Amino acid sequence: MISGLVQILFFQSLGELISQFALPTLPGPVIGLVLLIAWLVLRKGIHPDLAMVADGFSQYLGLLFVPAAVGVVLFLPELKANALAIVSALVGSVILTITVSALVVRFLSPKTKELDS
């Protein structure tokens, strides 16, 4: 279990270092997560200790949303004042995400020959 926790903290720390010195526009934990995923792909598997720690973390992931919910309640008047802009941005981003995802899947999927009936 300690080994899995050390791996997670190592990659997060490495991501923080890269964020501080090389890529300041990207958050360190995001860089660390990408590095961890790349490491796991290269190893072609997940160590059981790492899987146990990740499962333990995922059980309490909902607690991370509590501060966000408090923030929403705190800024409720501002959210109401800008509701149209927020809803427009959300709807636009969902449409754009679905469109781009469909285009990427279409581009990356293997080409099949169409049979004439």
PDB file of N, CA and C in Angstrom:
ATOM      1  N   MET A   1       0.822  -1.196   0.000  1.00  0.00           N
ATOM      2  CA  MET A   1       0.000   0.000   0.000  1.00  0.00           C
ATOM      3  C   MET A   1       0.865   1.259   0.000  1.00  0.00           C
ATOM      4  N   ILE A   2       1.940   1.255   0.769  1.00  0.00           N
ATOM      5  CA  ILE A   2       2.839   2.408   0.814  1.00  0.00           C
ATOM      6  C   ILE A   2       3.468   2.635  -0.550  1.00  0.00           C
ATOM      7  N   SER A   3       3.778   1.553  -1.237  1.00  0.00           N
ATOM      8  CA  SER A   3       4.376   1.667  -2.570  1.00  0.00           C
ATOM      9  C   SER A   3       3.441   2.396  -3.541  1.00  0.00           C
ATOM     10  N   GLY A   4       2.161   2.072  -3.496  1.00  0.00           N
ATOM     11  CA  GLY A   4       1.189   2.736  -4.371  1.00  0.00           C
ATOM     12  C   GLY A   4       1.048   4.208  -4.048  1.00  0.00           C
ATOM     13  N   LEU A   5       1.027   4.532  -2.749  1.00  0.00           N
ATOM     14  CA  LEU A   5       0.929   5.940  -2.338  1.00  0.00           C
ATOM     15  C   LEU A   5       2.174   6.713  -2.749  1.00  0.00           C
ATOM     16  N   VAL A   6       3.327   6.092  -2.620  1.00  0.00           N
ATOM     17  CA  VAL A   6       4.578   6.742  -3.034  1.00  0.00           C
ATOM     18  C   VAL A   6       4.567   7.007  -4.537  1.00  0.00           C
ATOM     19  N   GLN A   7       4.062   6.057  -5.320  1.00  0.00           N
ATOM     20  CA  GLN A   7       3.997   6.261  -6.771  1.00  0.00           C
ATOM     21  C   GLN A   7       3.101   7.451  -7.119  1.00  0.00           C
ATOM     22  N   ILE A   8       1.942   7.530  -6.486  1.00  0.00           N
ATOM     23  CA  ILE A   8       1.021   8.638  -6.767  1.00  0.00           C
ATOM     24  C   ILE A   8       1.649   9.969  -6.371  1.00  0.00           C
ATOM     25  N   LEU A   9       2.227  10.027  -5.177  1.00  0.00           N
ATOM     26  CA  LEU A   9       2.852  11.272  -4.716  1.00  0.00           C
ATOM     27  C   LEU A   9       4.081  11.637  -5.547  1.00  0.00           C
ATOM     28  N   PHE A  10       4.823  10.630  -6.008  1.00  0.00           N
ATOM     29  CA  PHE A  10       5.986  10.906  -6.855  1.00  0.00           C
ATOM     30  C   PHE A  10       5.565  11.574  -8.164  1.00  0.00           C
ATOM     31  N   PHE A  11       4.553  11.013  -8.813  1.00  0.00           N
ATOM     32  CA  PHE A  11       4.130  11.582 -10.093  1.00  0.00           C
ATOM     33  C   PHE A  11       3.466  12.942  -9.917  1.00  0.00           C
ATOM     34  N   GLN A  12       2.754  13.141  -8.811  1.00  0.00           N
ATOM     35  CA  GLN A  12       2.186  14.463  -8.572  1.00  0.00           C
ATOM     36  C   GLN A  12       3.300  15.478  -8.309  1.00  0.00           C
ATOM     37  N   SER A  13       4.308  15.103  -7.544  1.00  0.00           N
ATOM     38  CA  SER A  13       5.435  16.007  -7.282  1.00  0.00           C
ATOM     39  C   SER A  13       6.210  16.310  -8.551  1.00  0.00           C
ATOM     40  N   LEU A  14       6.409  15.299  -9.373  1.00  0.00           N
ATOM     41  CA  LEU A  14       7.088  15.505 -10.647  1.00  0.00           C
ATOM     42  C   LEU A  14       6.289  16.452 -11.537  1.00  0.00           C
ATOM     43  N   GLY A  15       4.978  16.287 -11.537  1.00  0.00           N
ATOM     44  CA  GLY A  15       4.121  17.191 -12.302  1.00  0.00           C
ATOM     45  C   GLY A  15       4.200  18.615 -11.780  1.00  0.00           C
ATOM     46  N   GLU A  16       4.254  18.783 -10.452  1.00  0.00           N
ATOM     47  CA  GLU A  16       4.388  20.118  -9.866  1.00  0.00           C
ATOM     48  C   GLU A  16       5.717  20.758 -10.264  1.00  0.00           C
ATOM     49  N   LEU A  17       6.786  19.984 -10.245  1.00  0.00           N
ATOM     50  CA  LEU A  17       8.097  20.518 -10.651  1.00  0.00           C
ATOM     51  C   LEU A  17       8.082  20.952 -12.112  1.00  0.00           C
ATOM     52  N   ILE A  18       7.532  20.120 -12.966  1.00  0.00           N
ATOM     53  CA  ILE A  18       7.458  20.467 -14.390  1.00  0.00           C
ATOM     54  C   ILE A  18       6.590  21.700 -14.581  1.00  0.00           C
ATOM     55  N   SER A  19       5.503  21.795 -13.833  1.00  0.00           N
ATOM     56  CA  SER A  19       4.615  22.955 -13.930  1.00  0.00           C
ATOM     57  C   SER A  19       5.320  24.230 -13.480  1.00  0.00           C
ATOM     58  N   GLN A  20       6.113  24.142 -12.429  1.00  0.00           N
ATOM     59  CA  GLN A  20       6.799  25.326 -11.907  1.00  0.00           C
ATOM     60  C   GLN A  20       7.908  25.811 -12.827  1.00  0.00           C
ATOM     61  N   PHE A  21       8.640  24.873 -13.444  1.00  0.00           N
ATOM     62  CA  PHE A  21       9.836  25.264 -14.187  1.00  0.00           C
ATOM     63  C   PHE A  21       9.701  25.212 -15.703  1.00  0.00           C
ATOM     64  N   ALA A  22       8.797  24.416 -16.238  1.00  0.00           N
ATOM     65  CA  ALA A  22       8.742  24.269 -17.687  1.00  0.00           C
ATOM     66  C   ALA A  22       7.396  24.655 -18.301  1.00  0.00           C
ATOM     67  N   LEU A  23       6.307  24.241 -17.690  1.00  0.00           N
ATOM     68  CA  LEU A  23       4.981  24.488 -18.256  1.00  0.00           C
ATOM     69  C   LEU A  23       4.093  25.169 -17.223  1.00  0.00           C
ATOM     70  N   PRO A  24       4.296  26.449 -16.975  1.00  0.00           N
ATOM     71  CA  PRO A  24       3.529  27.101 -15.905  1.00  0.00           C
ATOM     72  C   PRO A  24       2.042  27.263 -16.198  1.00  0.00           C
ATOM     73  N   THR A  25       1.631  27.060 -17.432  1.00  0.00           N
ATOM     74  CA  THR A  25       0.205  27.227 -17.749  1.00  0.00           C
ATOM     75  C   THR A  25      -0.615  25.981 -17.424  1.00  0.00           C
ATOM     76  N   LEU A  26       0.044  24.848 -17.224  1.00  0.00           N
ATOM     77  CA  LEU A  26      -0.662  23.611 -16.909  1.00  0.00           C
ATOM     78  C   LEU A  26      -0.539  23.310 -15.418  1.00  0.00           C
ATOM     79  N   PRO A  27      -1.629  22.845 -14.793  1.00  0.00           N
ATOM     80  CA  PRO A  27      -1.546  22.490 -13.375  1.00  0.00           C
ATOM     81  C   PRO A  27      -0.657  21.266 -13.153  1.00  0.00           C
ATOM     82  N   GLY A  28       0.093  21.282 -12.075  1.00  0.00           N
ATOM     83  CA  GLY A  28       0.997  20.187 -11.756  1.00  0.00           C
ATOM     84  C   GLY A  28       0.314  18.838 -11.613  1.00  0.00           C
ATOM     85  N   PRO A  29      -0.830  18.764 -10.914  1.00  0.00           N
ATOM     86  CA  PRO A  29      -1.483  17.458 -10.800  1.00  0.00           C
ATOM     87  C   PRO A  29      -1.931  16.880 -12.146  1.00  0.00           C
ATOM     88  N   VAL A  30      -2.296  17.737 -13.083  1.00  0.00           N
ATOM     89  CA  VAL A  30      -2.692  17.253 -14.413  1.00  0.00           C
ATOM     90  C   VAL A  30      -1.470  16.678 -15.134  1.00  0.00           C
ATOM     91  N   ILE A  31      -0.357  17.375 -15.058  1.00  0.00           N
ATOM     92  CA  ILE A  31       0.876  16.869 -15.672  1.00  0.00           C
ATOM     93  C   ILE A  31       1.276  15.553 -15.028  1.00  0.00           C
ATOM     94  N   GLY A  32       1.196  15.492 -13.698  1.00  0.00           N
ATOM     95  CA  GLY A  32       1.535  14.269 -12.985  1.00  0.00           C
ATOM     96  C   GLY A  32       0.637  13.107 -13.374  1.00  0.00           C
ATOM     97  N   LEU A  33      -0.654  13.376 -13.564  1.00  0.00           N
ATOM     98  CA  LEU A  33      -1.584  12.323 -13.964  1.00  0.00           C
ATOM     99  C   LEU A  33      -1.253  11.801 -15.357  1.00  0.00           C
ATOM    100  N   VAL A  34      -0.926  12.704 -16.265  1.00  0.00           N
ATOM    101  CA  VAL A  34      -0.547  12.286 -17.619  1.00  0.00           C
ATOM    102  C   VAL A  34       0.730  11.447 -17.571  1.00  0.00           C
ATOM    103  N   LEU A  35       1.698  11.867 -16.757  1.00  0.00           N
ATOM    104  CA  LEU A  35       2.932  11.088 -16.623  1.00  0.00           C
ATOM    105  C   LEU A  35       2.664   9.714 -16.008  1.00  0.00           C
ATOM    106  N   LEU A  36       1.784   9.662 -15.014  1.00  0.00           N
ATOM    107  CA  LEU A  36       1.439   8.380 -14.396  1.00  0.00           C
ATOM    108  C   LEU A  36       0.765   7.453 -15.403  1.00  0.00           C
ATOM    109  N   ILE A  37      -0.145   7.996 -16.190  1.00  0.00           N
ATOM    110  CA  ILE A  37      -0.812   7.172 -17.211  1.00  0.00           C
ATOM    111  C   ILE A  37       0.198   6.676 -18.238  1.00  0.00           C
ATOM    112  N   ALA A  38       1.111   7.556 -18.659  1.00  0.00           N
ATOM    113  CA  ALA A  38       2.149   7.133 -19.615  1.00  0.00           C
ATOM    114  C   ALA A  38       3.021   6.033 -19.009  1.00  0.00           C
ATOM    115  N   TRP A  39       3.360   6.179 -17.742  1.00  0.00           N
ATOM    116  CA  TRP A  39       4.171   5.163 -17.057  1.00  0.00           C
ATOM    117  C   TRP A  39       3.429   3.822 -17.003  1.00  0.00           C
ATOM    118  N   LEU A  40       2.140   3.865 -16.703  1.00  0.00           N
ATOM    119  CA  LEU A  40       1.360   2.632 -16.631  1.00  0.00           C
ATOM    120  C   LEU A  40       1.212   1.982 -18.008  1.00  0.00           C
ATOM    121  N   VAL A  41       1.099   2.794 -19.045  1.00  0.00           N
ATOM    122  CA  VAL A  41       1.017   2.247 -20.408  1.00  0.00           C
ATOM    123  C   VAL A  41       2.334   1.580 -20.775  1.00  0.00           C
ATOM    124  N   LEU A  42       3.454   2.218 -20.417  1.00  0.00           N
ATOM    125  CA  LEU A  42       4.761   1.620 -20.713  1.00  0.00           C
ATOM    126  C   LEU A  42       4.967   0.314 -19.947  1.00  0.00           C
ATOM    127  N   ARG A  43       4.475   0.261 -18.717  1.00  0.00           N
ATOM    128  CA  ARG A  43       4.607  -0.958 -17.904  1.00  0.00           C
ATOM    129  C   ARG A  43       3.591  -2.010 -18.287  1.00  0.00           C
ATOM    130  N   LYS A  44       2.570  -1.619 -19.035  1.00  0.00           N
ATOM    131  CA  LYS A  44       1.495  -2.511 -19.488  1.00  0.00           C
ATOM    132  C   LYS A  44       0.763  -3.154 -18.313  1.00  0.00           C
ATOM    133  N   GLY A  45       0.483  -2.347 -17.298  1.00  0.00           N
ATOM    134  CA  GLY A  45      -0.268  -2.879 -16.173  1.00  0.00           C
ATOM    135  C   GLY A  45      -0.179  -1.975 -14.964  1.00  0.00           C
ATOM    136  N   ILE A  46      -1.032  -2.284 -13.985  1.00  0.00           N
ATOM    137  CA  ILE A  46      -1.077  -1.511 -12.748  1.00  0.00           C
ATOM    138  C   ILE A  46      -0.631  -2.413 -11.615  1.00  0.00           C
ATOM    139  N   HIS A  47       0.287  -1.917 -10.812  1.00  0.00           N
ATOM    140  CA  HIS A  47       0.760  -2.664  -9.647  1.00  0.00           C
ATOM    141  C   HIS A  47      -0.400  -2.796  -8.656  1.00  0.00           C
ATOM    142  N   PRO A  48      -0.554  -3.939  -8.010  1.00  0.00           N
ATOM    143  CA  PRO A  48      -1.685  -4.122  -7.071  1.00  0.00           C
ATOM    144  C   PRO A  48      -1.721  -3.092  -5.938  1.00  0.00           C
ATOM    145  N   ASP A  49      -0.551  -2.644  -5.457  1.00  0.00           N
ATOM    146  CA  ASP A  49      -0.531  -1.620  -4.405  1.00  0.00           C
ATOM    147  C   ASP A  49      -1.109  -0.306  -4.908  1.00  0.00           C
ATOM    148  N   LEU A  50      -0.764   0.052  -6.125  1.00  0.00           N
ATOM    149  CA  LEU A  50      -1.284   1.282  -6.713  1.00  0.00           C
ATOM    150  C   LEU A  50      -2.793   1.175  -6.922  1.00  0.00           C
ATOM    151  N   ALA A  51      -3.262   0.030  -7.364  1.00  0.00           N
ATOM    152  CA  ALA A  51      -4.702  -0.174  -7.564  1.00  0.00           C
ATOM    153  C   ALA A  51      -5.456  -0.074  -6.244  1.00  0.00           C
ATOM    154  N   MET A  52      -4.870  -0.593  -5.157  1.00  0.00           N
ATOM    155  CA  MET A  52      -5.526  -0.543  -3.862  1.00  0.00           C
ATOM    156  C   MET A  52      -5.641   0.901  -3.361  1.00  0.00           C
ATOM    157  N   VAL A  53      -4.578   1.676  -3.521  1.00  0.00           N
ATOM    158  CA  VAL A  53      -4.610   3.075  -3.090  1.00  0.00           C
ATOM    159  C   VAL A  53      -5.591   3.871  -3.940  1.00  0.00           C
ATOM    160  N   ALA A  54      -5.595   3.637  -5.248  1.00  0.00           N
ATOM    161  CA  ALA A  54      -6.519   4.349  -6.133  1.00  0.00           C
ATOM    162  C   ALA A  54      -7.967   4.013  -5.799  1.00  0.00           C
ATOM    163  N   ASP A  55      -8.244   2.762  -5.497  1.00  0.00           N
ATOM    164  CA  ASP A  55      -9.610   2.379  -5.105  1.00  0.00           C
ATOM    165  C   ASP A  55     -10.003   3.056  -3.802  1.00  0.00           C
ATOM    166  N   GLY A  56      -9.068   3.145  -2.870  1.00  0.00           N
ATOM    167  CA  GLY A  56      -9.351   3.820  -1.604  1.00  0.00           C
ATOM    168  C   GLY A  56      -9.657   5.289  -1.801  1.00  0.00           C
ATOM    169  N   PHE A  57      -8.880   5.950  -2.665  1.00  0.00           N
ATOM    170  CA  PHE A  57      -9.128   7.364  -2.954  1.00  0.00           C
ATOM    171  C   PHE A  57     -10.473   7.567  -3.630  1.00  0.00           C
ATOM    172  N   SER A  58     -10.812   6.686  -4.557  1.00  0.00           N
ATOM    173  CA  SER A  58     -12.047   6.879  -5.327  1.00  0.00           C
ATOM    174  C   SER A  58     -13.298   6.721  -4.465  1.00  0.00           C
ATOM    175  N   GLN A  59     -13.194   6.017  -3.349  1.00  0.00           N
ATOM    176  CA  GLN A  59     -14.341   5.882  -2.465  1.00  0.00           C
ATOM    177  C   GLN A  59     -14.726   7.209  -1.825  1.00  0.00           C
ATOM    178  N   TYR A  60     -13.751   8.099  -1.644  1.00  0.00           N
ATOM    179  CA  TYR A  60     -13.998   9.371  -0.972  1.00  0.00           C
ATOM    180  C   TYR A  60     -13.903  10.566  -1.922  1.00  0.00           C
ATOM    181  N   LEU A  61     -13.995  10.304  -3.209  1.00  0.00           N
ATOM    182  CA  LEU A  61     -13.878  11.361  -4.210  1.00  0.00           C
ATOM    183  C   LEU A  61     -14.990  12.387  -4.099  1.00  0.00           C
ATOM    184  N   GLY A  62     -16.161  11.981  -3.646  1.00  0.00           N
ATOM    185  CA  GLY A  62     -17.289  12.894  -3.510  1.00  0.00           C
ATOM    186  C   GLY A  62     -17.022  14.024  -2.532  1.00  0.00           C
ATOM    187  N   LEU A  63     -16.151  13.798  -1.570  1.00  0.00           N
ATOM    188  CA  LEU A  63     -15.826  14.854  -0.607  1.00  0.00           C
ATOM    189  C   LEU A  63     -15.152  16.055  -1.267  1.00  0.00           C
ATOM    190  N   LEU A  64     -14.511  15.821  -2.401  1.00  0.00           N
ATOM    191  CA  LEU A  64     -13.837  16.921  -3.092  1.00  0.00           C
ATOM    192  C   LEU A  64     -14.830  17.908  -3.701  1.00  0.00           C
ATOM    193  N   PHE A  65     -16.093  17.495  -3.859  1.00  0.00           N
ATOM    194  CA  PHE A  65     -17.083  18.374  -4.452  1.00  0.00           C
ATOM    195  C   PHE A  65     -17.780  19.260  -3.426  1.00  0.00           C
ATOM    196  N   VAL A  66     -17.557  19.017  -2.150  1.00  0.00           N
ATOM    197  CA  VAL A  66     -18.182  19.830  -1.113  1.00  0.00           C
ATOM    198  C   VAL A  66     -17.746  21.291  -1.208  1.00  0.00           C
ATOM    199  N   PRO A  67     -16.445  21.613  -1.338  1.00  0.00           N
ATOM    200  CA  PRO A  67     -16.069  23.031  -1.468  1.00  0.00           C
ATOM    201  C   PRO A  67     -16.671  23.699  -2.700  1.00  0.00           C
ATOM    202  N   ALA A  68     -16.796  22.971  -3.791  1.00  0.00           N
ATOM    203  CA  ALA A  68     -17.402  23.543  -4.993  1.00  0.00           C
ATOM    204  C   ALA A  68     -18.872  23.868  -4.752  1.00  0.00           C
ATOM    205  N   ALA A  69     -19.578  22.997  -4.048  1.00  0.00           N
ATOM    206  CA  ALA A  69     -20.989  23.252  -3.753  1.00  0.00           C
ATOM    207  C   ALA A  69     -21.140  24.463  -2.841  1.00  0.00           C
ATOM    208  N   VAL A  70     -20.246  24.608  -1.894  1.00  0.00           N
ATOM    209  CA  VAL A  70     -20.279  25.781  -1.010  1.00  0.00           C
ATOM    210  C   VAL A  70     -20.024  27.046  -1.827  1.00  0.00           C
ATOM    211  N   GLY A  71     -19.103  26.978  -2.770  1.00  0.00           N
ATOM    212  CA  GLY A  71     -18.824  28.122  -3.630  1.00  0.00           C
ATOM    213  C   GLY A  71     -20.020  28.517  -4.471  1.00  0.00           C
ATOM    214  N   VAL A  72     -20.765  27.529  -4.952  1.00  0.00           N
ATOM    215  CA  VAL A  72     -21.960  27.825  -5.743  1.00  0.00           C
ATOM    216  C   VAL A  72     -22.984  28.556  -4.885  1.00  0.00           C
ATOM    217  N   VAL A  73     -23.182  28.093  -3.670  1.00  0.00           N
ATOM    218  CA  VAL A  73     -24.141  28.745  -2.781  1.00  0.00           C
ATOM    219  C   VAL A  73     -23.662  30.149  -2.411  1.00  0.00           C
ATOM    220  N   LEU A  74     -22.372  30.305  -2.215  1.00  0.00           N
ATOM    221  CA  LEU A  74     -21.809  31.597  -1.836  1.00  0.00           C
ATOM    222  C   LEU A  74     -22.003  32.641  -2.940  1.00  0.00           C
ATOM    223  N   PHE A  75     -21.856  32.227  -4.189  1.00  0.00           N
ATOM    224  CA  PHE A  75     -21.940  33.160  -5.309  1.00  0.00           C
ATOM    225  C   PHE A  75     -23.267  33.041  -6.058  1.00  0.00           C
ATOM    226  N   LEU A  76     -24.305  32.594  -5.402  1.00  0.00           N
ATOM    227  CA  LEU A  76     -25.603  32.418  -6.042  1.00  0.00           C
ATOM    228  C   LEU A  76     -26.153  33.707  -6.659  1.00  0.00           C
ATOM    229  N   PRO A  77     -26.042  34.878  -6.008  1.00  0.00           N
ATOM    230  CA  PRO A  77     -26.546  36.106  -6.659  1.00  0.00           C
ATOM    231  C   PRO A  77     -25.823  36.426  -7.977  1.00  0.00           C
ATOM    232  N   GLU A  78     -24.504  36.225  -8.005  1.00  0.00           N
ATOM    233  CA  GLU A  78     -23.758  36.469  -9.244  1.00  0.00           C
ATOM    234  C   GLU A  78     -24.141  35.466 -10.327  1.00  0.00           C
ATOM    235  N   LEU A  79     -24.380  34.225  -9.905  1.00  0.00           N
ATOM    236  CA  LEU A  79     -24.790  33.209 -10.870  1.00  0.00           C
ATOM    237  C   LEU A  79     -26.154  33.523 -11.465  1.00  0.00           C
ATOM    238  N   LYS A  80     -27.070  33.998 -10.630  1.00  0.00           N
ATOM    239  CA  LYS A  80     -28.395  34.370 -11.135  1.00  0.00           C
ATOM    240  C   LYS A  80     -28.301  35.549 -12.093  1.00  0.00           C
ATOM    241  N   ALA A  81     -27.443  36.514 -11.791  1.00  0.00           N
ATOM    242  CA  ALA A  81     -27.305  37.696 -12.649  1.00  0.00           C
ATOM    243  C   ALA A  81     -26.723  37.341 -14.016  1.00  0.00           C
ATOM    244  N   ASN A  82     -25.905  36.313 -14.067  1.00  0.00           N
ATOM    245  CA  ASN A  82     -25.247  35.930 -15.319  1.00  0.00           C
ATOM    246  C   ASN A  82     -25.744  34.578 -15.829  1.00  0.00           C
ATOM    247  N   ALA A  83     -26.960  34.227 -15.497  1.00  0.00           N
ATOM    248  CA  ALA A  83     -27.485  32.897 -15.838  1.00  0.00           C
ATOM    249  C   ALA A  83     -27.515  32.650 -17.348  1.00  0.00           C
ATOM    250  N   LEU A  84     -27.935  33.643 -18.122  1.00  0.00           N
ATOM    251  CA  LEU A  84     -28.014  33.446 -19.576  1.00  0.00           C
ATOM    252  C   LEU A  84     -26.645  33.179 -20.176  1.00  0.00           C
ATOM    253  N   ALA A  85     -25.649  33.933 -19.760  1.00  0.00           N
ATOM    254  CA  ALA A  85     -24.295  33.731 -20.277  1.00  0.00           C
ATOM    255  C   ALA A  85     -23.743  32.367 -19.860  1.00  0.00           C
ATOM    256  N   ILE A  86     -24.007  31.968 -18.626  1.00  0.00           N
ATOM    257  CA  ILE A  86     -23.507  30.684 -18.143  1.00  0.00           C
ATOM    258  C   ILE A  86     -24.171  29.534 -18.879  1.00  0.00           C
ATOM    259  N   VAL A  87     -25.489  29.588 -19.035  1.00  0.00           N
ATOM    260  CA  VAL A  87     -26.207  28.521 -19.742  1.00  0.00           C
ATOM    261  C   VAL A  87     -25.769  28.468 -21.201  1.00  0.00           C
ATOM    262  N   SER A  88     -25.598  29.630 -21.825  1.00  0.00           N
ATOM    263  CA  SER A  88     -25.135  29.665 -23.225  1.00  0.00           C
ATOM    264  C   SER A  88     -23.752  29.044 -23.358  1.00  0.00           C
ATOM    265  N   ALA A  89     -22.861  29.374 -22.447  1.00  0.00           N
ATOM    266  CA  ALA A  89     -21.509  28.808 -22.489  1.00  0.00           C
ATOM    267  C   ALA A  89     -21.543  27.297 -22.279  1.00  0.00           C
ATOM    268  N   LEU A  90     -22.371  26.835 -21.358  1.00  0.00           N
ATOM    269  CA  LEU A  90     -22.464  25.401 -21.107  1.00  0.00           C
ATOM    270  C   LEU A  90     -23.030  24.653 -22.306  1.00  0.00           C
ATOM    271  N   VAL A  91     -24.120  25.164 -22.868  1.00  0.00           N
ATOM    272  CA  VAL A  91     -24.725  24.506 -24.028  1.00  0.00           C
ATOM    273  C   VAL A  91     -23.761  24.528 -25.222  1.00  0.00           C
ATOM    274  N   GLY A  92     -23.127  25.663 -25.454  1.00  0.00           N
ATOM    275  CA  GLY A  92     -22.169  25.765 -26.554  1.00  0.00           C
ATOM    276  C   GLY A  92     -20.988  24.828 -26.385  1.00  0.00           C
ATOM    277  N   SER A  93     -20.479  24.731 -25.174  1.00  0.00           N
ATOM    278  CA  SER A  93     -19.327  23.855 -24.952  1.00  0.00           C
ATOM    279  C   SER A  93     -19.711  22.387 -25.081  1.00  0.00           C
ATOM    280  N   VAL A  94     -20.920  22.021 -24.666  1.00  0.00           N
ATOM    281  CA  VAL A  94     -21.367  20.631 -24.826  1.00  0.00           C
ATOM    282  C   VAL A  94     -21.496  20.288 -26.306  1.00  0.00           C
ATOM    283  N   ILE A  95     -22.097  21.183 -27.078  1.00  0.00           N
ATOM    284  CA  ILE A  95     -22.247  20.939 -28.521  1.00  0.00           C
ATOM    285  C   ILE A  95     -20.878  20.845 -29.192  1.00  0.00           C
ATOM    286  N   LEU A  96     -19.988  21.751 -28.845  1.00  0.00           N
ATOM    287  CA  LEU A  96     -18.643  21.728 -29.428  1.00  0.00           C
ATOM    288  C   LEU A  96     -17.890  20.459 -29.030  1.00  0.00           C
ATOM    289  N   THR A  97     -18.012  20.029 -27.785  1.00  0.00           N
ATOM    290  CA  THR A  97     -17.334  18.820 -27.323  1.00  0.00           C
ATOM    291  C   THR A  97     -17.852  17.587 -28.043  1.00  0.00           C
ATOM    292  N   ILE A  98     -19.154  17.478 -28.188  1.00  0.00           N
ATOM    293  CA  ILE A  98     -19.723  16.326 -28.886  1.00  0.00           C
ATOM    294  C   ILE A  98     -19.292  16.317 -30.350  1.00  0.00           C
ATOM    295  N   THR A  99     -19.289  17.486 -30.985  1.00  0.00           N
ATOM    296  CA  THR A  99     -18.894  17.575 -32.392  1.00  0.00           C
ATOM    297  C   THR A  99     -17.431  17.188 -32.581  1.00  0.00           C
ATOM    298  N   VAL A 100     -16.564  17.748 -31.765  1.00  0.00           N
ATOM    299  CA  VAL A 100     -15.133  17.446 -31.890  1.00  0.00           C
ATOM    300  C   VAL A 100     -14.864  15.979 -31.567  1.00  0.00           C
ATOM    301  N   SER A 101     -15.532  15.443 -30.548  1.00  0.00           N
ATOM    302  CA  SER A 101     -15.356  14.021 -30.210  1.00  0.00           C
ATOM    303  C   SER A 101     -15.793  13.126 -31.357  1.00  0.00           C
ATOM    304  N   ALA A 102     -16.915  13.451 -31.985  1.00  0.00           N
ATOM    305  CA  ALA A 102     -17.391  12.651 -33.118  1.00  0.00           C
ATOM    306  C   ALA A 102     -16.408  12.718 -34.282  1.00  0.00           C
ATOM    307  N   LEU A 103     -15.862  13.881 -34.546  1.00  0.00           N
ATOM    308  CA  LEU A 103     -14.894  14.018 -35.636  1.00  0.00           C
ATOM    309  C   LEU A 103     -13.604  13.250 -35.341  1.00  0.00           C
ATOM    310  N   VAL A 104     -13.144  13.289 -34.102  1.00  0.00           N
ATOM    311  CA  VAL A 104     -11.934  12.554 -33.735  1.00  0.00           C
ATOM    312  C   VAL A 104     -12.163  11.055 -33.847  1.00  0.00           C
ATOM    313  N   VAL A 105     -13.315  10.571 -33.370  1.00  0.00           N
ATOM    314  CA  VAL A 105     -13.622   9.143 -33.474  1.00  0.00           C
ATOM    315  C   VAL A 105     -13.717   8.733 -34.932  1.00  0.00           C
ATOM    316  N   ARG A 106     -14.349   9.557 -35.733  1.00  0.00           N
ATOM    317  CA  ARG A 106     -14.471   9.242 -37.164  1.00  0.00           C
ATOM    318  C   ARG A 106     -13.102   9.220 -37.838  1.00  0.00           C
ATOM    319  N   PHE A 107     -12.236  10.141 -37.447  1.00  0.00           N
ATOM    320  CA  PHE A 107     -10.899  10.209 -38.039  1.00  0.00           C
ATOM    321  C   PHE A 107     -10.040   9.031 -37.599  1.00  0.00           C
ATOM    322  N   LEU A 108     -10.163   8.624 -36.349  1.00  0.00           N
ATOM    323  CA  LEU A 108      -9.297   7.573 -35.812  1.00  0.00           C
ATOM    324  C   LEU A 108      -9.837   6.163 -36.012  1.00  0.00           C
ATOM    325  N   SER A 109     -11.110   6.022 -36.348  1.00  0.00           N
ATOM    326  CA  SER A 109     -11.665   4.677 -36.523  1.00  0.00           C
ATOM    327  C   SER A 109     -11.184   4.078 -37.837  1.00  0.00           C
ATOM    328  N   PRO A 110     -11.029   2.765 -37.855  1.00  0.00           N
ATOM    329  CA  PRO A 110     -10.562   2.131 -39.090  1.00  0.00           C
ATOM    330  C   PRO A 110     -11.587   2.269 -40.203  1.00  0.00           C
ATOM    331  N   LYS A 111     -11.084   2.444 -41.379  1.00  0.00           N
ATOM    332  CA  LYS A 111     -11.960   2.595 -42.536  1.00  0.00           C
ATOM    333  C   LYS A 111     -12.487   1.242 -42.964  1.00  0.00           C
ATOM    334  N   THR A 112     -13.778   1.153 -43.241  1.00  0.00           N
ATOM    335  CA  THR A 112     -14.387  -0.085 -43.711  1.00  0.00           C
ATOM    336  C   THR A 112     -14.898   0.126 -45.114  1.00  0.00           C
ATOM    337  N   LYS A 113     -14.878  -0.923 -45.890  1.00  0.00           N
ATOM    338  CA  LYS A 113     -15.384  -0.836 -47.256  1.00  0.00           C
ATOM    339  C   LYS A 113     -16.898  -0.979 -47.227  1.00  0.00           C
ATOM    340  N   GLU A 114     -17.558  -0.110 -47.960  1.00  0.00           N
ATOM    341  CA  GLU A 114     -19.017  -0.191 -48.045  1.00  0.00           C
ATOM    342  C   GLU A 114     -19.400  -1.173 -49.135  1.00  0.00           C
ATOM    343  N   LEU A 115     -20.336  -2.043 -48.827  1.00  0.00           N
ATOM    344  CA  LEU A 115     -20.805  -3.025 -49.817  1.00  0.00           C
ATOM    345  C   LEU A 115     -22.006  -2.464 -50.538  1.00  0.00           C
ATOM    346  N   ASP A 116     -21.999  -2.621 -51.847  1.00  0.00           N
ATOM    347  CA  ASP A 116     -23.150  -2.187 -52.649  1.00  0.00           C
ATOM    348  C   ASP A 116     -24.232  -3.257 -52.557  1.00  0.00           C
ATOM    349  N   SER A 117     -25.469  -2.805 -52.374  1.00  0.00           N
ATOM    350  CA  SER A 117     -26.592  -3.780 -52.267  1.00  0.00           C
ATOM    351  C   SER A 117     -27.154  -4.098 -53.623  1.00  0.00           C
TER     352      SER A 117
END
